[in-house]
Amino acid sequence: MAFHTRAILIWAQHAAEAPATPDAEAAREAAREELSKPVYHPRPNPLRLLWEWFVNQVTGARLLPAGLPQWVSVAIVLVAASLLVGVLVIVLSRYTRVRRRNRAHALFDSDARDSAALARDADAAAVAGDFVTAVVERFRAVIRSLDERGLLEDYPGMTAQEAASLASAALAGARLPDGTSLELTGPLHEAGDLFDAVRYGERPPSQEEDRWMRQLAALVESCVVPEQPAPAQEALV
């Protein structure tokens, strides 16, 4: 009798320790919880999402005739997208080339020397027979001197031709101290052309061209510019 009682107690203990079998609803809930984990839901491909969005936009906008086979619609969309990408590439490449060319042909680059320092360096180069440096520094000195006089304002990336145009406008009506009128538009643009040819075209200037640039610099330095009329609003005050 004691043996049977002991067996019953052992069986009851094991039964209490054994896990209960879940019912159907608990099993479904456990399955849903397991399947909701991120490992079962990989992140979608961004390119695929973009493509699906693009196709939906084209289809929703009714840009394609109704009734076309799916492969025809896909082909048309692909061709249109390729053309659009090609146009963007061409526009961006041209814009980049223009910016690169302007930066490469900038008059001052990051040069912060004043006009006096530029003129001294031009003189020293001319004495040494380095007319390339003499011509380049002389033209820079001319433009920098006009900026220091408040007649023009240089800016990053400004080219020699842009500087010549600004200088021509700034010196319109200029005269020598004795009253002799000066016409500097042509010479300033010629000086800009010479700067570009020497600086970027690798054409060595002659001693005569260096002398001519020196004479132009002297004229610009000594000329008198008439005062600009005050703006209309200031004149009324």
Protein backbone atom coordinates (compact mmCIF):
# COMPACT_ATOMS: atom_id res chain seq x y z
CA MET A 1 0.00 0.00 0.00
CA ALA A 2 2.80 2.34 0.84
CA PHE A 3 4.38 1.53 -2.53
CA HIS A 4 1.27 2.61 -4.44
CA THR A 5 1.05 5.81 -2.43
CA ARG A 6 4.68 6.62 -3.21
CA ALA A 7 4.13 5.98 -6.94
CA ILE A 8 1.12 8.25 -7.01
CA LEU A 9 3.07 11.05 -5.35
CA ILE A 10 5.96 10.71 -7.81
CA TRP A 11 3.54 10.82 -10.77
CA ALA A 12 1.80 13.91 -9.39
CA GLN A 13 5.13 15.67 -8.97
CA HIS A 14 6.17 15.00 -12.59
CA ALA A 15 2.76 16.05 -13.83
CA ALA A 16 3.07 19.36 -12.02
CA GLU A 17 6.53 19.99 -13.50
CA ALA A 18 5.55 19.14 -17.12
CA PRO A 19 4.65 22.18 -19.23
CA ALA A 20 1.03 22.56 -20.16
CA THR A 21 0.14 22.07 -23.80
CA PRO A 22 -1.06 25.45 -25.21
CA ASP A 23 -4.50 25.66 -26.71
CA ALA A 24 -5.12 26.69 -30.35
CA GLU A 25 -5.56 30.43 -29.64
CA ALA A 26 -2.35 30.62 -27.61
CA ALA A 27 -0.49 28.80 -30.37
CA ARG A 28 -1.75 31.28 -32.99
CA GLU A 29 -0.77 34.23 -30.80
CA ALA A 30 2.71 32.79 -30.31
CA ALA A 31 3.06 32.29 -34.08
CA ARG A 32 1.96 35.88 -34.79
CA GLU A 33 4.43 37.21 -32.23
CA GLU A 34 7.23 35.16 -33.73
CA LEU A 35 6.47 36.24 -37.32
CA SER A 36 6.31 39.90 -36.31
CA LYS A 37 10.02 39.91 -35.48
CA PRO A 38 12.25 42.03 -37.84
CA VAL A 39 14.20 38.99 -38.98
CA TYR A 40 11.14 37.84 -40.96
CA HIS A 41 10.63 41.27 -42.55
CA PRO A 42 13.76 42.38 -44.46
CA ARG A 43 14.04 46.08 -45.33
CA PRO A 44 12.80 46.86 -48.85
CA ASN A 45 15.27 47.87 -51.55
CA PRO A 46 15.24 51.70 -51.87
CA LEU A 47 15.78 51.49 -55.62
CA ARG A 48 12.84 49.15 -55.98
CA LEU A 49 10.66 51.47 -53.92
CA LEU A 50 11.73 54.43 -56.08
CA TRP A 51 11.02 52.52 -59.26
CA GLU A 52 7.57 51.44 -58.04
CA TRP A 53 6.78 55.03 -57.05
CA PHE A 54 7.86 56.31 -60.47
CA VAL A 55 5.75 53.72 -62.30
CA ASN A 56 2.73 54.51 -60.13
CA GLN A 57 3.13 58.23 -60.81
CA VAL A 58 3.29 57.71 -64.56
CA THR A 59 0.36 55.31 -64.50
CA GLY A 60 -1.73 57.45 -62.19
CA ALA A 61 -1.14 60.56 -64.28
CA ARG A 62 -2.53 58.74 -67.34
CA LEU A 63 0.52 59.64 -69.39
CA LEU A 64 0.32 56.31 -71.21
CA PRO A 65 -2.60 55.16 -73.37
CA ALA A 66 -4.94 52.71 -71.70
CA GLY A 67 -4.80 49.11 -72.80
CA LEU A 68 -1.09 48.93 -73.52
CA PRO A 69 0.62 45.66 -72.63
CA GLN A 70 2.58 45.84 -69.42
CA TRP A 71 5.91 45.24 -71.12
CA VAL A 72 5.27 48.15 -73.51
CA SER A 73 4.46 50.46 -70.60
CA VAL A 74 7.59 49.38 -68.77
CA ALA A 75 9.72 49.92 -71.89
CA ILE A 76 8.31 53.43 -72.41
CA VAL A 77 8.93 54.32 -68.78
CA LEU A 78 12.50 53.01 -68.99
CA VAL A 79 13.24 55.04 -72.12
CA ALA A 80 11.77 58.19 -70.57
CA ALA A 81 13.75 57.69 -67.37
CA SER A 82 16.96 57.10 -69.35
CA LEU A 83 16.43 60.29 -71.36
CA LEU A 84 15.79 62.26 -68.18
CA VAL A 85 18.93 60.93 -66.53
CA GLY A 86 20.94 61.68 -69.69
CA VAL A 87 19.73 65.28 -69.78
CA LEU A 88 20.59 65.74 -66.10
CA VAL A 89 24.07 64.32 -66.62
CA ILE A 90 24.73 66.64 -69.58
CA VAL A 91 23.49 69.73 -67.72
CA LEU A 92 25.47 68.94 -64.57
CA SER A 93 28.65 68.13 -66.50
CA ARG A 94 28.49 71.39 -68.45
CA TYR A 95 27.83 73.34 -65.28
CA THR A 96 30.79 71.65 -63.60
CA ARG A 97 33.08 72.37 -66.57
CA VAL A 98 32.10 76.04 -66.61
CA ARG A 99 32.74 76.40 -62.89
CA ARG A 100 36.05 74.57 -63.16
CA ARG A 101 37.13 76.74 -66.10
CA ASN A 102 36.16 79.94 -64.28
CA ARG A 103 38.08 78.85 -61.18
CA ALA A 104 41.09 77.90 -63.30
CA HIS A 105 41.07 81.29 -65.08
CA ALA A 106 40.46 83.40 -61.99
CA LEU A 107 42.44 86.63 -61.94
CA PHE A 108 43.55 86.62 -58.32
CA ASP A 109 42.86 83.08 -57.11
CA SER A 110 43.55 83.42 -53.37
CA ASP A 111 46.13 86.19 -53.80
CA ALA A 112 45.57 88.89 -51.16
CA ARG A 113 48.52 91.20 -51.99
CA ASP A 114 47.75 94.88 -52.34
CA SER A 115 48.44 96.84 -55.52
CA ALA A 116 51.76 98.20 -54.25
CA ALA A 117 53.10 94.70 -53.53
CA LEU A 118 51.92 93.44 -56.92
CA ALA A 119 53.58 96.37 -58.68
CA ARG A 120 56.85 95.80 -56.80
CA ASP A 121 56.84 92.13 -57.79
CA ALA A 122 56.16 93.11 -61.40
CA ASP A 123 59.09 95.55 -61.37
CA ALA A 124 61.43 92.94 -59.87
CA ALA A 125 60.37 90.36 -62.46
CA ALA A 126 60.92 92.81 -65.32
CA VAL A 127 64.42 93.64 -64.07
CA ALA A 128 65.18 89.91 -63.95
CA GLY A 129 63.89 89.45 -67.50
CA ASP A 130 60.89 87.40 -66.35
CA PHE A 131 58.32 89.18 -68.50
CA VAL A 132 55.69 86.49 -67.93
CA THR A 133 55.52 87.29 -64.22
CA ALA A 134 55.92 91.01 -64.91
CA VAL A 135 52.91 91.18 -67.25
CA VAL A 136 50.70 89.01 -65.05
CA GLU A 137 51.49 90.89 -61.83
CA ARG A 138 51.17 94.27 -63.53
CA PHE A 139 47.65 93.62 -64.74
CA ARG A 140 46.68 92.31 -61.31
CA ALA A 141 48.13 95.47 -59.76
CA VAL A 142 45.99 97.63 -62.07
CA ILE A 143 42.76 95.88 -61.11
CA ARG A 144 43.62 95.69 -57.42
CA SER A 145 44.41 99.45 -57.40
CA LEU A 146 40.95 100.21 -58.81
CA ASP A 147 39.42 98.05 -56.10
CA GLU A 148 41.39 99.92 -53.44
CA ARG A 149 40.18 103.24 -54.86
CA GLY A 150 36.59 102.04 -54.60
CA LEU A 151 36.06 102.19 -58.36
CA LEU A 152 35.26 98.49 -58.69
CA GLU A 153 34.89 95.49 -56.42
CA ASP A 154 36.71 92.29 -57.21
CA TYR A 155 35.15 88.97 -56.26
CA PRO A 156 36.24 85.32 -56.06
CA GLY A 157 36.52 83.70 -59.47
CA MET A 158 36.63 86.99 -61.41
CA THR A 159 38.35 86.52 -64.76
CA ALA A 160 40.65 88.94 -66.54
CA GLN A 161 37.98 89.79 -69.11
CA GLU A 162 35.39 90.42 -66.41
CA ALA A 163 37.88 92.64 -64.62
CA ALA A 164 38.60 94.54 -67.85
CA SER A 165 34.88 95.16 -68.39
CA LEU A 166 34.41 96.41 -64.83
CA ALA A 167 37.49 98.62 -65.10
CA SER A 168 36.30 100.09 -68.40
CA ALA A 169 32.95 101.02 -66.87
CA ALA A 170 34.63 102.45 -63.78
CA LEU A 171 37.02 104.61 -65.81
CA ALA A 172 34.46 105.99 -68.25
CA GLY A 173 35.13 109.71 -68.63
CA ALA A 174 38.54 109.49 -66.98
CA ARG A 175 41.01 112.31 -67.62
CA LEU A 176 44.64 113.04 -66.95
CA PRO A 177 45.42 115.68 -64.32
CA ASP A 178 45.90 118.25 -67.12
CA GLY A 179 42.37 117.60 -68.39
CA THR A 180 43.25 115.35 -71.32
CA SER A 181 40.48 112.81 -71.81
CA LEU A 182 41.35 109.13 -71.83
CA GLU A 183 39.75 106.24 -73.68
CA LEU A 184 40.79 103.15 -71.76
CA THR A 185 38.18 100.59 -72.79
CA GLY A 186 40.18 99.17 -75.69
CA PRO A 187 43.54 99.10 -73.88
CA LEU A 188 42.03 97.46 -70.79
CA HIS A 189 40.49 94.65 -72.84
CA GLU A 190 43.77 94.23 -74.73
CA ALA A 191 45.52 93.97 -71.38
CA GLY A 192 43.03 91.30 -70.29
CA ASP A 193 43.65 89.37 -73.50
CA LEU A 194 47.41 89.62 -72.95
CA PHE A 195 47.01 88.38 -69.37
CA ASP A 196 45.04 85.33 -70.53
CA ALA A 197 47.46 84.57 -73.36
CA VAL A 198 50.46 84.76 -71.05
CA ARG A 199 48.93 83.17 -67.95
CA TYR A 200 46.90 80.38 -69.54
CA GLY A 201 47.97 80.25 -73.17
CA GLU A 202 51.63 79.89 -72.24
CA ARG A 203 52.65 82.57 -74.74
CA PRO A 204 55.78 84.37 -73.54
CA PRO A 205 55.36 88.15 -73.78
CA SER A 206 57.95 90.42 -75.29
CA GLN A 207 59.80 93.20 -73.53
CA GLU A 208 57.75 95.66 -75.57
CA GLU A 209 54.50 94.17 -74.27
CA ASP A 210 55.80 94.47 -70.73
CA ARG A 211 56.63 98.12 -71.39
CA TRP A 212 53.16 98.73 -72.84
CA MET A 213 51.50 97.14 -69.77
CA ARG A 214 53.65 99.36 -67.55
CA GLN A 215 52.50 102.48 -69.44
CA LEU A 216 48.85 101.44 -69.13
CA ALA A 217 49.29 100.95 -65.39
CA ALA A 218 50.78 104.45 -65.10
CA LEU A 219 47.82 105.97 -66.98
CA VAL A 220 45.29 104.19 -64.76
CA GLU A 221 47.14 105.22 -61.61
CA SER A 222 47.33 108.88 -62.57
CA CYS A 223 43.90 109.35 -64.13
CA VAL A 224 41.14 111.35 -62.49
CA VAL A 225 37.67 109.86 -62.55
CA PRO A 226 34.66 112.19 -62.40
CA GLU A 227 32.44 111.71 -59.40
CA GLN A 228 29.42 109.58 -60.07
CA PRO A 229 26.07 111.39 -59.67
CA ALA A 230 24.23 110.61 -56.47
CA PRO A 231 21.26 108.26 -56.70
CA ALA A 232 17.94 109.97 -57.21
CA GLN A 233 16.67 109.32 -53.67
CA GLU A 234 19.83 110.78 -52.11
CA ALA A 235 19.75 113.80 -54.41
CA LEU A 236 16.26 114.69 -53.17
CA VAL A 237 17.35 114.76 -49.52
